[in-house]
Amino acid sequence: MQKTGTVKLGGGSNSFALQNSSVEKKFSYSGGSDSDFINCRSGGFQDDASFKLADGFNRLAFAFSEVLESLEVSGKNTADEFAIDGSRVRGDVKLQLGSGNNRASVVHSSQIGDELTVTAGDGDDLVVVDPSVKVGRTSFRLGAGANTIP
């Protein structure tokens, strides 16, 4: 029996969507050498979910979805935009943003069971955690730049 689900994409701009579906195994996504767009809407992950994005401008929209274990998203060298909207993660959420001007938001009554960790490089970063969000602990490690956490 296969224990993981894997998506590996090549160079160029890539997109991946999971809508109204569920992944029953550990899931990993590896982007190519340009930009990635990930759209998870009303999706479910029955185990850990990991997204390793490309070198270009990356966007991850994770809306009204659920992860039963942990969620990890990592960008690389340029600006990234990650949004967790109305979603539930029972374990940790680790967002590793690129070294450009990044935006990360956790909004609309999202729930994170354990820790939310946001790490970023040297760009000007904006991190928003809406007051309606329920999270165990938070940790922010942002690089040199004009960073904002309202």
N, C-alpha and C. Protein backbone atom coordinates (compact mmCIF):
# COMPACT_ATOMS: atom_id res chain seq x y z
N MET A 1 0.83 -1.18 0.00
CA MET A 1 0.00 0.00 0.00
C MET A 1 0.88 1.24 0.00
N GLN A 2 0.56 2.20 -0.84
CA GLN A 2 1.31 3.44 -0.92
C GLN A 2 1.01 4.30 0.30
N LYS A 3 2.08 4.84 0.92
CA LYS A 3 1.93 5.62 2.14
C LYS A 3 1.87 7.12 1.92
N THR A 4 2.26 7.60 0.72
CA THR A 4 2.27 9.03 0.46
C THR A 4 1.65 9.36 -0.89
N GLY A 5 1.22 10.59 -1.03
CA GLY A 5 0.78 11.13 -2.31
C GLY A 5 1.75 12.22 -2.69
N THR A 6 2.26 12.23 -3.91
CA THR A 6 3.29 13.18 -4.31
C THR A 6 2.95 13.80 -5.66
N VAL A 7 3.18 15.13 -5.76
CA VAL A 7 3.08 15.84 -7.02
C VAL A 7 4.40 16.57 -7.21
N LYS A 8 5.12 16.28 -8.31
CA LYS A 8 6.37 16.96 -8.65
C LYS A 8 6.22 17.56 -10.03
N LEU A 9 6.44 18.86 -10.12
CA LEU A 9 6.28 19.55 -11.40
C LEU A 9 7.61 20.10 -11.89
N GLY A 10 7.73 20.27 -13.18
CA GLY A 10 8.97 20.74 -13.78
C GLY A 10 9.03 22.25 -13.88
N GLY A 11 9.91 22.75 -14.77
CA GLY A 11 10.10 24.17 -14.95
C GLY A 11 8.86 24.84 -15.52
N GLY A 12 8.88 26.16 -15.49
CA GLY A 12 7.74 26.92 -15.98
C GLY A 12 6.79 27.27 -14.87
N SER A 13 5.75 27.99 -15.20
CA SER A 13 4.73 28.35 -14.21
C SER A 13 3.77 27.18 -14.04
N ASN A 14 3.53 26.80 -12.79
CA ASN A 14 2.71 25.64 -12.49
C ASN A 14 1.51 26.02 -11.65
N SER A 15 0.45 25.25 -11.79
CA SER A 15 -0.70 25.43 -10.90
C SER A 15 -1.20 24.05 -10.48
N PHE A 16 -1.76 24.03 -9.28
CA PHE A 16 -2.30 22.79 -8.72
C PHE A 16 -3.56 23.16 -7.96
N ALA A 17 -4.62 22.41 -8.17
CA ALA A 17 -5.88 22.68 -7.48
C ALA A 17 -6.41 21.40 -6.85
N LEU A 18 -6.91 21.53 -5.64
CA LEU A 18 -7.63 20.46 -4.97
C LEU A 18 -8.94 21.08 -4.49
N GLN A 19 -10.02 20.69 -5.12
CA GLN A 19 -11.31 21.28 -4.79
C GLN A 19 -12.32 20.18 -4.54
N ASN A 20 -13.01 20.30 -3.41
CA ASN A 20 -14.05 19.35 -3.03
C ASN A 20 -13.55 17.91 -3.09
N SER A 21 -12.31 17.70 -2.66
CA SER A 21 -11.70 16.37 -2.70
C SER A 21 -10.90 16.15 -1.42
N SER A 22 -10.50 14.90 -1.21
CA SER A 22 -9.74 14.55 -0.02
C SER A 22 -8.54 13.69 -0.41
N VAL A 23 -7.41 13.92 0.26
CA VAL A 23 -6.20 13.12 0.09
C VAL A 23 -6.04 12.29 1.34
N GLU A 24 -5.99 10.97 1.20
CA GLU A 24 -6.00 10.08 2.36
C GLU A 24 -4.62 9.76 2.91
N LYS A 25 -3.55 10.20 2.26
CA LYS A 25 -2.19 9.88 2.67
C LYS A 25 -1.41 11.15 2.94
N LYS A 26 -0.18 10.97 3.45
CA LYS A 26 0.71 12.13 3.52
C LYS A 26 0.85 12.69 2.12
N PHE A 27 0.88 14.01 2.02
CA PHE A 27 0.90 14.64 0.71
C PHE A 27 2.09 15.57 0.61
N SER A 28 2.81 15.52 -0.51
CA SER A 28 3.87 16.49 -0.75
C SER A 28 3.79 17.00 -2.18
N TYR A 29 4.02 18.31 -2.31
CA TYR A 29 4.02 18.99 -3.59
C TYR A 29 5.39 19.64 -3.75
N SER A 30 6.03 19.45 -4.90
CA SER A 30 7.30 20.11 -5.22
C SER A 30 7.12 20.87 -6.52
N GLY A 31 7.33 22.18 -6.47
CA GLY A 31 7.17 23.01 -7.65
C GLY A 31 8.40 22.99 -8.53
N GLY A 32 8.30 23.68 -9.63
CA GLY A 32 9.39 23.72 -10.61
C GLY A 32 10.31 24.90 -10.39
N SER A 33 10.77 25.49 -11.49
CA SER A 33 11.78 26.54 -11.40
C SER A 33 11.24 27.94 -11.62
N ASP A 34 9.93 28.11 -11.79
CA ASP A 34 9.38 29.43 -12.03
C ASP A 34 8.40 29.77 -10.91
N SER A 35 7.16 30.03 -11.21
CA SER A 35 6.15 30.40 -10.22
C SER A 35 5.14 29.28 -10.05
N ASP A 36 4.58 29.19 -8.84
CA ASP A 36 3.55 28.20 -8.54
C ASP A 36 2.31 28.88 -7.99
N PHE A 37 1.15 28.34 -8.37
CA PHE A 37 -0.12 28.77 -7.78
C PHE A 37 -0.82 27.52 -7.27
N ILE A 38 -1.07 27.47 -5.97
CA ILE A 38 -1.74 26.35 -5.32
C ILE A 38 -3.10 26.83 -4.85
N ASN A 39 -4.14 26.11 -5.21
CA ASN A 39 -5.49 26.47 -4.79
C ASN A 39 -6.16 25.25 -4.16
N CYS A 40 -6.32 25.28 -2.85
CA CYS A 40 -7.04 24.22 -2.14
C CYS A 40 -8.33 24.83 -1.61
N ARG A 41 -9.44 24.39 -2.14
CA ARG A 41 -10.73 24.93 -1.72
C ARG A 41 -11.65 23.77 -1.38
N SER A 42 -12.13 23.77 -0.14
CA SER A 42 -12.99 22.69 0.36
C SER A 42 -12.31 21.33 0.17
N GLY A 43 -11.00 21.32 0.43
CA GLY A 43 -10.23 20.10 0.31
C GLY A 43 -9.89 19.54 1.68
N GLY A 44 -9.50 18.28 1.70
CA GLY A 44 -9.13 17.65 2.96
C GLY A 44 -7.87 16.84 2.81
N PHE A 45 -7.02 16.89 3.83
CA PHE A 45 -5.81 16.09 3.89
C PHE A 45 -5.89 15.27 5.17
N GLN A 46 -5.88 13.96 5.05
CA GLN A 46 -6.06 13.08 6.19
C GLN A 46 -4.77 12.89 6.99
N ASP A 47 -3.67 13.45 6.53
CA ASP A 47 -2.37 13.34 7.18
C ASP A 47 -1.65 14.67 6.97
N ASP A 48 -0.31 14.67 7.06
CA ASP A 48 0.47 15.89 6.81
C ASP A 48 0.34 16.33 5.36
N ALA A 49 0.45 17.66 5.15
CA ALA A 49 0.49 18.22 3.80
C ALA A 49 1.68 19.16 3.72
N SER A 50 2.52 18.98 2.69
CA SER A 50 3.74 19.77 2.52
C SER A 50 3.78 20.32 1.10
N PHE A 51 4.06 21.62 0.99
CA PHE A 51 4.16 22.29 -0.31
C PHE A 51 5.51 23.00 -0.39
N LYS A 52 6.39 22.52 -1.26
CA LYS A 52 7.68 23.16 -1.50
C LYS A 52 7.58 23.86 -2.85
N LEU A 53 7.57 25.19 -2.80
CA LEU A 53 7.26 25.97 -3.99
C LEU A 53 8.51 26.38 -4.75
N ALA A 54 8.31 26.93 -5.93
CA ALA A 54 9.38 27.24 -6.88
C ALA A 54 10.13 28.52 -6.50
N ASP A 55 11.10 28.89 -7.35
CA ASP A 55 11.92 30.08 -7.13
C ASP A 55 11.18 31.38 -7.44
N GLY A 56 10.15 31.35 -8.24
CA GLY A 56 9.46 32.56 -8.67
C GLY A 56 8.42 33.03 -7.65
N PHE A 57 7.58 33.94 -8.09
CA PHE A 57 6.48 34.46 -7.26
C PHE A 57 5.46 33.34 -7.06
N ASN A 58 5.22 32.99 -5.81
CA ASN A 58 4.33 31.87 -5.49
C ASN A 58 3.10 32.35 -4.73
N ARG A 59 1.98 31.69 -4.99
CA ARG A 59 0.74 31.98 -4.26
C ARG A 59 0.13 30.67 -3.80
N LEU A 60 -0.31 30.66 -2.56
CA LEU A 60 -1.04 29.52 -2.02
C LEU A 60 -2.33 30.04 -1.40
N ALA A 61 -3.45 29.55 -1.89
CA ALA A 61 -4.76 29.89 -1.34
C ALA A 61 -5.34 28.61 -0.74
N PHE A 62 -5.51 28.60 0.55
CA PHE A 62 -5.98 27.42 1.28
C PHE A 62 -7.29 27.83 1.95
N ALA A 63 -8.42 27.54 1.31
CA ALA A 63 -9.69 28.08 1.76
C ALA A 63 -10.68 26.97 2.11
N PHE A 64 -11.28 27.09 3.28
CA PHE A 64 -12.34 26.19 3.74
C PHE A 64 -11.91 24.73 3.61
N SER A 65 -10.66 24.47 3.98
CA SER A 65 -10.07 23.15 3.86
C SER A 65 -9.61 22.66 5.23
N GLU A 66 -9.24 21.38 5.31
CA GLU A 66 -8.84 20.80 6.58
C GLU A 66 -7.62 19.90 6.40
N VAL A 67 -6.70 19.99 7.37
CA VAL A 67 -5.55 19.10 7.46
C VAL A 67 -5.60 18.44 8.83
N LEU A 68 -5.63 17.10 8.86
CA LEU A 68 -5.76 16.40 10.13
C LEU A 68 -4.45 16.35 10.91
N GLU A 69 -3.34 16.60 10.26
CA GLU A 69 -2.05 16.63 10.95
C GLU A 69 -1.46 18.03 10.78
N SER A 70 -0.28 18.15 10.16
CA SER A 70 0.41 19.44 10.03
C SER A 70 0.46 19.92 8.59
N LEU A 71 0.59 21.24 8.43
CA LEU A 71 0.69 21.89 7.13
C LEU A 71 2.01 22.65 7.08
N GLU A 72 2.81 22.38 6.05
CA GLU A 72 4.08 23.10 5.87
C GLU A 72 4.15 23.63 4.45
N VAL A 73 4.45 24.94 4.34
CA VAL A 73 4.55 25.59 3.04
C VAL A 73 5.87 26.35 3.02
N SER A 74 6.69 26.12 1.98
CA SER A 74 7.96 26.83 1.91
C SER A 74 8.17 27.42 0.52
N GLY A 75 8.46 28.72 0.51
CA GLY A 75 8.82 29.42 -0.70
C GLY A 75 10.33 29.50 -0.80
N LYS A 76 10.81 30.19 -1.83
CA LYS A 76 12.27 30.27 -1.99
C LYS A 76 12.74 31.71 -2.05
N ASN A 77 13.16 32.17 -3.23
CA ASN A 77 13.96 33.39 -3.32
C ASN A 77 13.21 34.67 -3.61
N THR A 78 11.95 34.61 -3.96
CA THR A 78 11.25 35.85 -4.32
C THR A 78 10.03 36.02 -3.44
N ALA A 79 9.17 36.93 -3.83
CA ALA A 79 7.97 37.23 -3.04
C ALA A 79 6.99 36.07 -3.10
N ASP A 80 6.29 35.87 -1.99
CA ASP A 80 5.27 34.83 -1.88
C ASP A 80 4.02 35.42 -1.23
N GLU A 81 2.87 34.84 -1.58
CA GLU A 81 1.61 35.18 -0.92
C GLU A 81 0.95 33.89 -0.47
N PHE A 82 0.75 33.76 0.83
CA PHE A 82 0.10 32.57 1.39
C PHE A 82 -1.12 33.03 2.17
N ALA A 83 -2.27 32.40 1.91
CA ALA A 83 -3.50 32.74 2.63
C ALA A 83 -4.17 31.47 3.13
N ILE A 84 -4.48 31.45 4.40
CA ILE A 84 -5.27 30.38 5.01
C ILE A 84 -6.57 31.04 5.43
N ASP A 85 -7.66 30.61 4.82
CA ASP A 85 -8.93 31.30 4.93
C ASP A 85 -10.02 30.32 5.35
N GLY A 86 -10.54 30.48 6.57
CA GLY A 86 -11.65 29.64 7.02
C GLY A 86 -11.32 28.16 7.07
N SER A 87 -10.07 27.84 7.35
CA SER A 87 -9.62 26.44 7.31
C SER A 87 -9.24 25.95 8.70
N ARG A 88 -9.04 24.62 8.80
CA ARG A 88 -8.70 24.01 10.08
C ARG A 88 -7.49 23.08 9.89
N VAL A 89 -6.48 23.28 10.73
CA VAL A 89 -5.31 22.41 10.77
C VAL A 89 -5.17 21.94 12.21
N ARG A 90 -5.22 20.65 12.43
CA ARG A 90 -5.17 20.13 13.81
C ARG A 90 -3.79 20.20 14.43
N GLY A 91 -2.74 20.17 13.61
CA GLY A 91 -1.36 20.22 14.12
C GLY A 91 -0.76 21.60 13.92
N ASP A 92 0.54 21.61 13.60
CA ASP A 92 1.29 22.85 13.36
C ASP A 92 1.07 23.36 11.94
N VAL A 93 1.24 24.67 11.79
CA VAL A 93 1.32 25.30 10.48
C VAL A 93 2.66 26.03 10.42
N LYS A 94 3.48 25.68 9.42
CA LYS A 94 4.77 26.34 9.23
C LYS A 94 4.76 26.98 7.85
N LEU A 95 4.89 28.31 7.84
CA LEU A 95 4.94 29.06 6.60
C LEU A 95 6.34 29.66 6.48
N GLN A 96 7.10 29.21 5.50
CA GLN A 96 8.43 29.75 5.25
C GLN A 96 8.36 30.55 3.96
N LEU A 97 8.38 31.86 4.12
CA LEU A 97 8.24 32.76 2.97
C LEU A 97 9.58 32.99 2.31
N GLY A 98 9.56 33.48 1.09
CA GLY A 98 10.79 33.76 0.35
C GLY A 98 11.47 35.01 0.86
N SER A 99 12.50 35.45 0.13
CA SER A 99 13.27 36.60 0.56
C SER A 99 12.79 37.91 -0.07
N GLY A 100 11.69 37.88 -0.82
CA GLY A 100 11.13 39.09 -1.41
C GLY A 100 10.12 39.74 -0.47
N ASN A 101 9.27 40.59 -1.04
CA ASN A 101 8.22 41.24 -0.27
C ASN A 101 7.03 40.28 -0.19
N ASN A 102 6.82 39.71 0.98
CA ASN A 102 5.85 38.62 1.16
C ASN A 102 4.60 39.08 1.88
N ARG A 103 3.53 38.30 1.67
CA ARG A 103 2.29 38.50 2.40
C ARG A 103 1.80 37.15 2.88
N ALA A 104 1.43 37.08 4.15
CA ALA A 104 0.84 35.87 4.70
C ALA A 104 -0.36 36.28 5.54
N SER A 105 -1.45 35.54 5.38
CA SER A 105 -2.64 35.86 6.17
C SER A 105 -3.32 34.57 6.63
N VAL A 106 -3.82 34.63 7.86
CA VAL A 106 -4.64 33.55 8.42
C VAL A 106 -5.90 34.26 8.91
N VAL A 107 -7.03 33.97 8.25
CA VAL A 107 -8.22 34.79 8.48
C VAL A 107 -9.49 33.94 8.55
N HIS A 108 -10.59 34.62 8.84
CA HIS A 108 -11.95 34.10 8.80
C HIS A 108 -12.14 32.83 9.64
N SER A 109 -11.90 32.96 10.92
CA SER A 109 -12.16 31.88 11.88
C SER A 109 -11.38 30.60 11.60
N SER A 110 -10.23 30.72 10.97
CA SER A 110 -9.38 29.54 10.79
C SER A 110 -8.97 29.02 12.16
N GLN A 111 -8.66 27.72 12.21
CA GLN A 111 -8.25 27.09 13.46
C GLN A 111 -6.95 26.33 13.26
N ILE A 112 -5.98 26.61 14.14
CA ILE A 112 -4.70 25.90 14.12
C ILE A 112 -4.53 25.29 15.51
N GLY A 113 -4.49 23.95 15.56
CA GLY A 113 -4.48 23.25 16.84
C GLY A 113 -3.24 23.48 17.67
N ASP A 114 -2.07 23.54 17.03
CA ASP A 114 -0.83 23.70 17.77
C ASP A 114 -0.21 25.06 17.45
N GLU A 115 0.95 25.07 16.81
CA GLU A 115 1.70 26.31 16.62
C GLU A 115 1.64 26.81 15.18
N LEU A 116 1.52 28.14 15.04
CA LEU A 116 1.67 28.82 13.76
C LEU A 116 3.05 29.47 13.76
N THR A 117 3.91 29.04 12.83
CA THR A 117 5.25 29.60 12.70
C THR A 117 5.37 30.24 11.32
N VAL A 118 5.77 31.51 11.30
CA VAL A 118 5.99 32.22 10.05
C VAL A 118 7.44 32.70 10.03
N THR A 119 8.18 32.28 9.01
CA THR A 119 9.58 32.67 8.84
C THR A 119 9.71 33.33 7.47
N ALA A 120 10.50 34.42 7.41
CA ALA A 120 10.66 35.11 6.12
C ALA A 120 12.08 35.62 5.97
N GLY A 121 12.43 35.93 4.72
CA GLY A 121 13.75 36.46 4.40
C GLY A 121 13.81 37.96 4.60
N ASP A 122 14.63 38.64 3.78
CA ASP A 122 14.96 40.04 4.02
C ASP A 122 14.04 41.05 3.37
N GLY A 123 12.95 40.67 2.76
CA GLY A 123 12.06 41.63 2.12
C GLY A 123 11.17 42.35 3.11
N ASP A 124 10.26 43.17 2.58
CA ASP A 124 9.25 43.86 3.38
C ASP A 124 8.05 42.94 3.47
N ASP A 125 7.78 42.41 4.65
CA ASP A 125 6.78 41.37 4.84
C ASP A 125 5.57 41.89 5.60
N LEU A 126 4.40 41.38 5.21
CA LEU A 126 3.15 41.68 5.90
C LEU A 126 2.56 40.35 6.34
N VAL A 127 2.32 40.21 7.64
CA VAL A 127 1.72 39.00 8.20
C VAL A 127 0.47 39.42 8.97
N VAL A 128 -0.68 38.86 8.58
CA VAL A 128 -1.95 39.19 9.22
C VAL A 128 -2.55 37.93 9.81
N VAL A 129 -2.86 37.99 11.10
CA VAL A 129 -3.60 36.92 11.77
C VAL A 129 -4.86 37.57 12.32
N ASP A 130 -5.98 37.27 11.71
CA ASP A 130 -7.26 37.86 12.06
C ASP A 130 -7.63 37.52 13.52
N PRO A 131 -8.26 38.46 14.25
CA PRO A 131 -8.65 38.17 15.63
C PRO A 131 -9.62 36.99 15.78
N SER A 132 -10.30 36.61 14.72
CA SER A 132 -11.24 35.48 14.80
C SER A 132 -10.54 34.12 14.74
N VAL A 133 -9.24 34.12 14.48
CA VAL A 133 -8.48 32.88 14.33
C VAL A 133 -8.19 32.28 15.70
N LYS A 134 -8.33 30.95 15.79
CA LYS A 134 -7.97 30.23 17.01
C LYS A 134 -6.67 29.49 16.74
N VAL A 135 -5.65 29.79 17.57
CA VAL A 135 -4.34 29.17 17.38
C VAL A 135 -3.73 28.89 18.75
N GLY A 136 -3.03 27.74 18.85
CA GLY A 136 -2.39 27.38 20.12
C GLY A 136 -1.29 28.37 20.49
N ARG A 137 -0.26 28.49 19.66
CA ARG A 137 0.86 29.39 19.88
C ARG A 137 1.26 30.01 18.54
N THR A 138 1.97 31.16 18.62
CA THR A 138 2.47 31.78 17.40
C THR A 138 3.96 32.07 17.54
N SER A 139 4.66 32.03 16.41
CA SER A 139 6.07 32.37 16.36
C SER A 139 6.34 33.05 15.02
N PHE A 140 6.92 34.25 15.07
CA PHE A 140 7.23 35.00 13.86
C PHE A 140 8.72 35.30 13.84
N ARG A 141 9.39 34.92 12.77
CA ARG A 141 10.82 35.20 12.57
C ARG A 141 10.95 35.84 11.19
N LEU A 142 10.91 37.17 11.17
CA LEU A 142 10.95 37.88 9.91
C LEU A 142 12.32 38.53 9.73
N GLY A 143 12.80 38.57 8.49
CA GLY A 143 14.13 39.09 8.20
C GLY A 143 14.20 40.60 8.25
N ALA A 144 15.38 41.12 7.85
CA ALA A 144 15.59 42.56 7.79
C ALA A 144 14.71 43.13 6.69
N GLY A 145 13.99 44.16 6.99
CA GLY A 145 13.07 44.78 6.05
C GLY A 145 11.99 45.49 6.84
N ALA A 146 11.14 46.20 6.14
CA ALA A 146 10.02 46.91 6.78
C ALA A 146 8.89 45.90 6.96
N ASN A 147 8.89 45.19 8.06
CA ASN A 147 7.92 44.13 8.33
C ASN A 147 6.75 44.67 9.12
N THR A 148 5.55 44.13 8.83
CA THR A 148 4.35 44.58 9.52
C THR A 148 3.56 43.36 9.99
N ILE A 149 3.20 43.38 11.27
CA ILE A 149 2.27 42.41 11.82
C ILE A 149 1.20 43.23 12.55
N PRO A 150 0.10 43.56 11.87
CA PRO A 150 -0.90 44.44 12.51
C PRO A 150 -1.62 43.74 13.65
